[in-house]
């Protein structure tokens, strides 16, 4: 977390301050913004790999006081306009497309303003999976499911207990009861004290029309800004079939107990 403050150079409203971030994910808060802020993302990876990176930012819900631009060689492209209240909107761009230039907007009372956002750097392939606009709700092929089992941030066998639709954010929250936990990158799925069962939540697009139903599914997906995002989710009996067929042919990309 980086937290610069505009009050440190209040008498120099045209000042430009530079911030260097080394982590692959985190957040930044600019308190009482005045002047401008240049955010330099310098991950601890080889510069040769920078061209394969995508940067995503997710403004805080109450972020205000500045416009956020993508800057390259002096040219500015507006990413987030001050006052834009698009809930949960994520803005992504290639690392080689430029850096972030945050410019404070004129304010009568700067003490009430804080500009902030979360950021993530990820491989371009993962980013395109998370933000694909073409057929985002289509079923995965057998090959895609088997690959998702090997590469996803979480893999669980579970059932849909309930679905909460968030019309404003155009998202659905799937409340999952976990029968078997194969893998999880973060502790999204946890043991609940009341029932002694594993439970968790997975987000997906509202347009996918997920509804509660009977039977088990194999849920896979990625972690994105601290939330589990749904990837491939075949019925578990279908996964057992495709896993066995691939294993019999020696084509399954990784081992996992399907039972």
Protein backbone atom coordinates (compact mmCIF):
# COMPACT_ATOMS: atom_id res chain seq x y z
CA UNK A 1 0.00 0.00 0.00
CA UNK A 2 1.40 3.36 -1.05
CA UNK A 3 -0.17 6.48 0.50
CA UNK A 4 1.29 9.77 -0.76
CA UNK A 5 -0.37 13.01 0.36
CA UNK A 6 -0.94 16.22 -1.58
CA UNK A 7 -0.62 18.25 1.60
CA UNK A 8 3.17 17.75 1.50
CA UNK A 9 3.33 20.12 -1.47
CA UNK A 10 0.13 22.14 -1.04
CA UNK A 11 1.92 25.38 -1.94
CA UNK A 12 3.10 23.88 -5.26
CA UNK A 13 -0.08 22.85 -7.00
CA UNK A 14 1.74 22.08 -10.25
CA UNK A 15 4.19 19.68 -8.63
CA UNK A 16 4.56 16.18 -10.04
CA UNK A 17 5.41 13.45 -7.55
CA UNK A 18 6.74 10.03 -8.54
CA UNK A 19 5.88 6.74 -6.85
CA UNK A 20 7.67 3.44 -7.57
CA UNK A 21 5.83 0.17 -6.93
CA UNK A 22 7.73 -3.12 -6.91
CA UNK A 23 4.94 -5.53 -6.01
CA UNK A 24 2.88 -7.41 -8.60
CA UNK A 25 -0.33 -6.41 -6.80
CA UNK A 26 -1.36 -3.90 -4.18
CA UNK A 27 -3.15 -0.59 -3.80
CA UNK A 28 -2.41 3.11 -3.78
CA UNK A 29 -4.21 5.94 -1.98
CA UNK A 30 -3.46 9.56 -2.82
CA UNK A 31 -4.74 11.69 0.02
CA UNK A 32 -5.75 15.32 -0.58
CA UNK A 33 -4.58 15.21 -4.23
CA UNK A 34 -2.93 18.32 -5.69
CA UNK A 35 -0.70 18.55 -8.73
CA UNK A 36 0.01 15.21 -10.33
CA UNK A 37 1.31 11.76 -9.48
CA UNK A 38 3.29 9.44 -11.74
CA UNK A 39 2.97 5.78 -10.78
CA UNK A 40 5.91 3.69 -11.95
CA UNK A 41 5.28 -0.06 -11.85
CA UNK A 42 8.62 -1.83 -11.60
CA UNK A 43 7.94 -5.51 -10.82
CA UNK A 44 10.78 -7.70 -9.65
CA UNK A 45 10.90 -9.60 -12.93
CA UNK A 46 13.18 -9.48 -15.93
CA UNK A 47 12.56 -6.41 -18.15
CA UNK A 48 12.37 -8.86 -21.06
CA UNK A 49 9.10 -10.21 -19.60
CA UNK A 50 7.45 -6.78 -19.36
CA UNK A 51 5.97 -7.12 -22.86
CA UNK A 52 4.00 -10.14 -21.67
CA UNK A 53 2.38 -8.27 -18.75
CA UNK A 54 -1.05 -6.68 -18.46
CA UNK A 55 -1.81 -4.04 -15.82
CA UNK A 56 -5.32 -3.85 -14.34
CA UNK A 57 -6.59 -1.18 -11.95
CA UNK A 58 -9.83 -1.14 -9.97
CA UNK A 59 -10.71 2.25 -8.45
CA UNK A 60 -12.04 2.35 -4.91
CA UNK A 61 -15.78 2.94 -4.76
CA UNK A 62 -15.32 6.36 -3.12
CA UNK A 63 -12.24 7.42 -5.11
CA UNK A 64 -12.39 11.11 -6.01
CA UNK A 65 -10.27 14.17 -6.66
CA UNK A 66 -8.25 13.21 -9.74
CA UNK A 67 -8.34 11.91 -13.30
CA UNK A 68 -6.29 8.79 -14.08
CA UNK A 69 -4.51 8.67 -17.44
CA UNK A 70 -2.41 6.20 -19.37
CA UNK A 71 0.77 8.06 -20.33
CA UNK A 72 3.39 7.19 -22.92
CA UNK A 73 6.03 9.57 -24.28
CA UNK A 74 4.04 12.59 -23.18
CA UNK A 75 0.71 11.52 -24.67
CA UNK A 76 -2.21 11.09 -22.28
CA UNK A 77 -5.20 8.78 -22.68
CA UNK A 78 -7.99 9.14 -20.13
CA UNK A 79 -8.68 5.89 -18.23
CA UNK A 80 -10.82 6.98 -15.26
CA UNK A 81 -12.55 10.34 -15.08
CA UNK A 82 -12.92 11.99 -11.68
CA UNK A 83 -16.37 11.21 -10.33
CA UNK A 84 -16.90 8.10 -12.48
CA UNK A 85 -18.94 5.83 -10.24
CA UNK A 86 -18.97 2.66 -12.35
CA UNK A 87 -19.10 0.03 -9.60
CA UNK A 88 -16.44 -2.68 -9.68
CA UNK A 89 -15.21 -1.57 -13.11
CA UNK A 90 -11.71 -2.77 -13.98
CA UNK A 91 -9.43 -1.01 -16.46
CA UNK A 92 -6.67 -3.03 -18.14
CA UNK A 93 -3.83 -2.19 -20.51
CA UNK A 94 -0.58 -3.74 -21.70
CA UNK A 95 2.47 -2.90 -19.61
CA UNK A 96 4.21 -1.64 -22.75
CA UNK A 97 1.32 0.75 -23.52
CA UNK A 98 2.54 3.23 -20.91
CA UNK A 99 2.38 4.15 -17.24
CA UNK A 100 -0.17 5.80 -14.97
CA UNK A 101 -0.39 9.58 -14.71
CA UNK A 102 -2.82 10.81 -12.06
CA UNK A 103 -3.74 14.49 -12.20
CA UNK A 104 -5.66 16.21 -9.43
CA UNK A 105 -8.78 18.13 -10.47
CA UNK A 106 -9.45 21.63 -9.05
CA UNK A 107 -11.20 21.33 -5.69
CA UNK A 108 -12.77 23.83 -3.32
CA UNK A 109 -12.10 21.51 -0.37
CA UNK A 110 -9.30 18.99 -0.97
CA UNK A 111 -9.53 17.62 2.57
CA UNK A 112 -12.53 15.56 1.57
CA UNK A 113 -10.85 13.84 -1.39
CA UNK A 114 -8.88 10.60 -1.62
CA UNK A 115 -7.98 9.05 -4.97
CA UNK A 116 -7.28 5.33 -4.74
CA UNK A 117 -7.28 2.06 -6.59
CA UNK A 118 -6.11 -1.54 -6.43
CA UNK A 119 -3.73 -2.78 -9.09
CA UNK A 120 -2.58 -6.15 -10.42
CA UNK A 121 0.05 -7.19 -12.91
CA UNK A 122 -0.58 -10.48 -14.66
CA UNK A 123 0.34 -12.51 -17.69
CA UNK A 124 -1.52 -11.33 -20.79
CA UNK A 125 -3.06 -14.76 -21.33
CA UNK A 126 -4.58 -14.80 -17.84
CA UNK A 127 -5.84 -11.24 -18.25
CA UNK A 128 -7.58 -12.06 -21.52
CA UNK A 129 -9.26 -15.05 -19.86
CA UNK A 130 -10.61 -12.82 -17.10
CA UNK A 131 -11.76 -9.99 -19.35
CA UNK A 132 -12.84 -11.77 -22.51
CA UNK A 133 -15.84 -10.15 -24.19
CA UNK A 134 -16.56 -12.89 -26.70
CA UNK A 135 -19.00 -15.53 -25.42
CA UNK A 136 -17.98 -15.19 -21.74
CA UNK A 137 -20.64 -17.69 -20.63
CA UNK A 138 -20.03 -20.42 -23.17
CA UNK A 139 -19.31 -23.94 -21.83
CA UNK A 140 -15.67 -25.01 -21.83
CA UNK A 141 -14.46 -27.80 -24.08
CA UNK A 142 -13.00 -30.96 -22.55
CA UNK A 143 -9.48 -29.74 -23.30
CA UNK A 144 -10.17 -26.35 -21.67
CA UNK A 145 -11.56 -28.02 -18.54
CA UNK A 146 -8.57 -30.34 -18.16
CA UNK A 147 -6.17 -27.42 -18.63
CA UNK A 148 -8.14 -25.28 -16.16
CA UNK A 149 -7.72 -28.02 -13.53
CA UNK A 150 -3.94 -27.65 -13.89
CA UNK A 151 -3.65 -23.87 -14.08
CA UNK A 152 -6.51 -22.35 -12.06
CA UNK A 153 -6.07 -20.52 -8.76
CA UNK A 154 -8.81 -22.64 -7.23
CA UNK A 155 -10.26 -26.06 -8.07
CA UNK A 156 -13.11 -27.45 -5.97
CA UNK A 157 -15.93 -29.95 -6.12
CA UNK A 158 -19.09 -28.40 -4.77
CA UNK A 159 -22.74 -27.49 -5.12
CA UNK A 160 -24.57 -24.20 -5.64
CA UNK A 161 -26.30 -23.32 -2.36
CA UNK A 162 -27.62 -19.95 -3.49
CA UNK A 163 -27.05 -17.17 -6.06
CA UNK A 164 -27.18 -13.46 -5.27
CA UNK A 165 -27.62 -11.18 -8.28
CA UNK A 166 -26.16 -7.67 -8.20
CA UNK A 167 -27.89 -5.76 -10.98
CA UNK A 168 -25.92 -2.53 -10.44
CA UNK A 169 -22.59 -4.31 -10.81
CA UNK A 170 -23.89 -6.73 -13.48
CA UNK A 171 -22.52 -9.65 -11.47
CA UNK A 172 -23.78 -12.76 -9.70
CA UNK A 173 -22.35 -14.18 -6.49
CA UNK A 174 -22.46 -17.97 -6.36
CA UNK A 175 -22.59 -19.30 -2.79
CA UNK A 176 -20.82 -22.65 -2.94
CA UNK A 177 -20.88 -25.57 -0.55
CA UNK A 178 -17.54 -27.37 -0.91
CA UNK A 179 -17.42 -31.18 -0.94
CA UNK A 180 -13.74 -31.45 -1.87
CA UNK A 181 -11.03 -28.81 -2.03
CA UNK A 182 -8.33 -29.66 -4.57
CA UNK A 183 -6.54 -26.31 -4.60
CA UNK A 184 -6.95 -22.69 -3.61
CA UNK A 185 -4.45 -19.85 -3.93
CA UNK A 186 -6.15 -17.67 -1.33
CA UNK A 187 -8.38 -18.61 1.57
CA UNK A 188 -11.64 -17.85 -0.22
CA UNK A 189 -13.15 -21.19 0.78
CA UNK A 190 -13.15 -21.67 4.53
CA UNK A 191 -14.47 -23.99 7.18
CA UNK A 192 -17.57 -22.46 8.75
CA UNK A 193 -17.93 -22.83 12.49
CA UNK A 194 -21.71 -23.25 12.49
CA UNK A 195 -22.04 -26.23 10.18
CA UNK A 196 -18.48 -27.54 10.06
CA UNK A 197 -18.67 -27.40 6.25
CA UNK A 198 -16.41 -25.64 3.76
CA UNK A 199 -18.06 -22.71 2.03
CA UNK A 200 -17.13 -19.80 -0.21
CA UNK A 201 -18.25 -17.36 -2.87
CA UNK A 202 -17.44 -17.16 -6.58
CA UNK A 203 -18.32 -14.21 -8.82
CA UNK A 204 -19.40 -14.36 -12.44
CA UNK A 205 -21.24 -12.18 -14.95
CA UNK A 206 -24.95 -11.59 -14.37
CA UNK A 207 -25.65 -12.32 -18.05
CA UNK A 208 -24.52 -15.94 -17.53
CA UNK A 209 -27.79 -16.54 -15.64
CA UNK A 210 -26.43 -18.90 -12.97
CA UNK A 211 -29.18 -20.39 -10.80
CA UNK A 212 -29.21 -22.72 -7.77
CA UNK A 213 -29.61 -26.35 -8.72
CA UNK A 214 -29.01 -29.93 -7.72
CA UNK A 215 -25.83 -31.88 -8.25
CA UNK A 216 -22.11 -31.27 -7.92
CA UNK A 217 -19.91 -29.18 -10.18
CA UNK A 218 -16.17 -28.84 -10.63
CA UNK A 219 -15.56 -25.13 -10.05
CA UNK A 220 -12.33 -23.63 -11.39
CA UNK A 221 -11.23 -20.04 -11.78
CA UNK A 222 -8.87 -17.19 -10.99
CA UNK A 223 -8.33 -14.81 -8.11
CA UNK A 224 -8.81 -11.21 -9.20
CA UNK A 225 -8.59 -8.26 -6.81
CA UNK A 226 -9.09 -10.60 -3.88
CA UNK A 227 -12.20 -12.24 -5.35
CA UNK A 228 -12.74 -15.67 -6.87
CA UNK A 229 -13.82 -15.35 -10.52
CA UNK A 230 -15.50 -18.30 -12.21
CA UNK A 231 -13.71 -20.10 -15.04
CA UNK A 232 -14.75 -23.53 -16.30
CA UNK A 233 -17.46 -25.22 -14.22
CA UNK A 234 -18.67 -28.52 -15.72
CA UNK A 235 -20.96 -30.88 -13.87
CA UNK A 236 -18.76 -33.16 -11.81
CA UNK A 237 -19.97 -36.34 -13.53
CA UNK A 238 -18.95 -34.80 -16.89
CA UNK A 239 -15.53 -33.92 -15.49
CA UNK A 240 -15.08 -37.52 -14.26
CA UNK A 241 -15.87 -38.77 -17.76
CA UNK A 242 -13.49 -36.43 -19.59
CA UNK A 243 -10.73 -36.98 -17.02
CA UNK A 244 -10.97 -40.78 -17.35
CA UNK A 245 -11.00 -40.61 -21.16
CA UNK A 246 -7.91 -38.37 -21.20
CA UNK A 247 -6.11 -40.52 -18.64
CA UNK A 248 -6.80 -43.70 -20.60
CA UNK A 249 -5.24 -42.06 -23.66
CA UNK A 250 -2.36 -40.59 -21.65
CA UNK A 251 -3.48 -37.08 -22.62
CA UNK A 252 -4.45 -35.52 -19.31
CA UNK A 253 -2.09 -32.53 -18.69
CA UNK A 254 -1.84 -33.10 -14.91
CA UNK A 255 -2.89 -35.55 -12.23
CA UNK A 256 -5.79 -34.88 -9.89
CA UNK A 257 -7.97 -37.31 -8.00
CA UNK A 258 -11.35 -37.01 -9.76
CA UNK A 259 -13.31 -38.95 -7.11
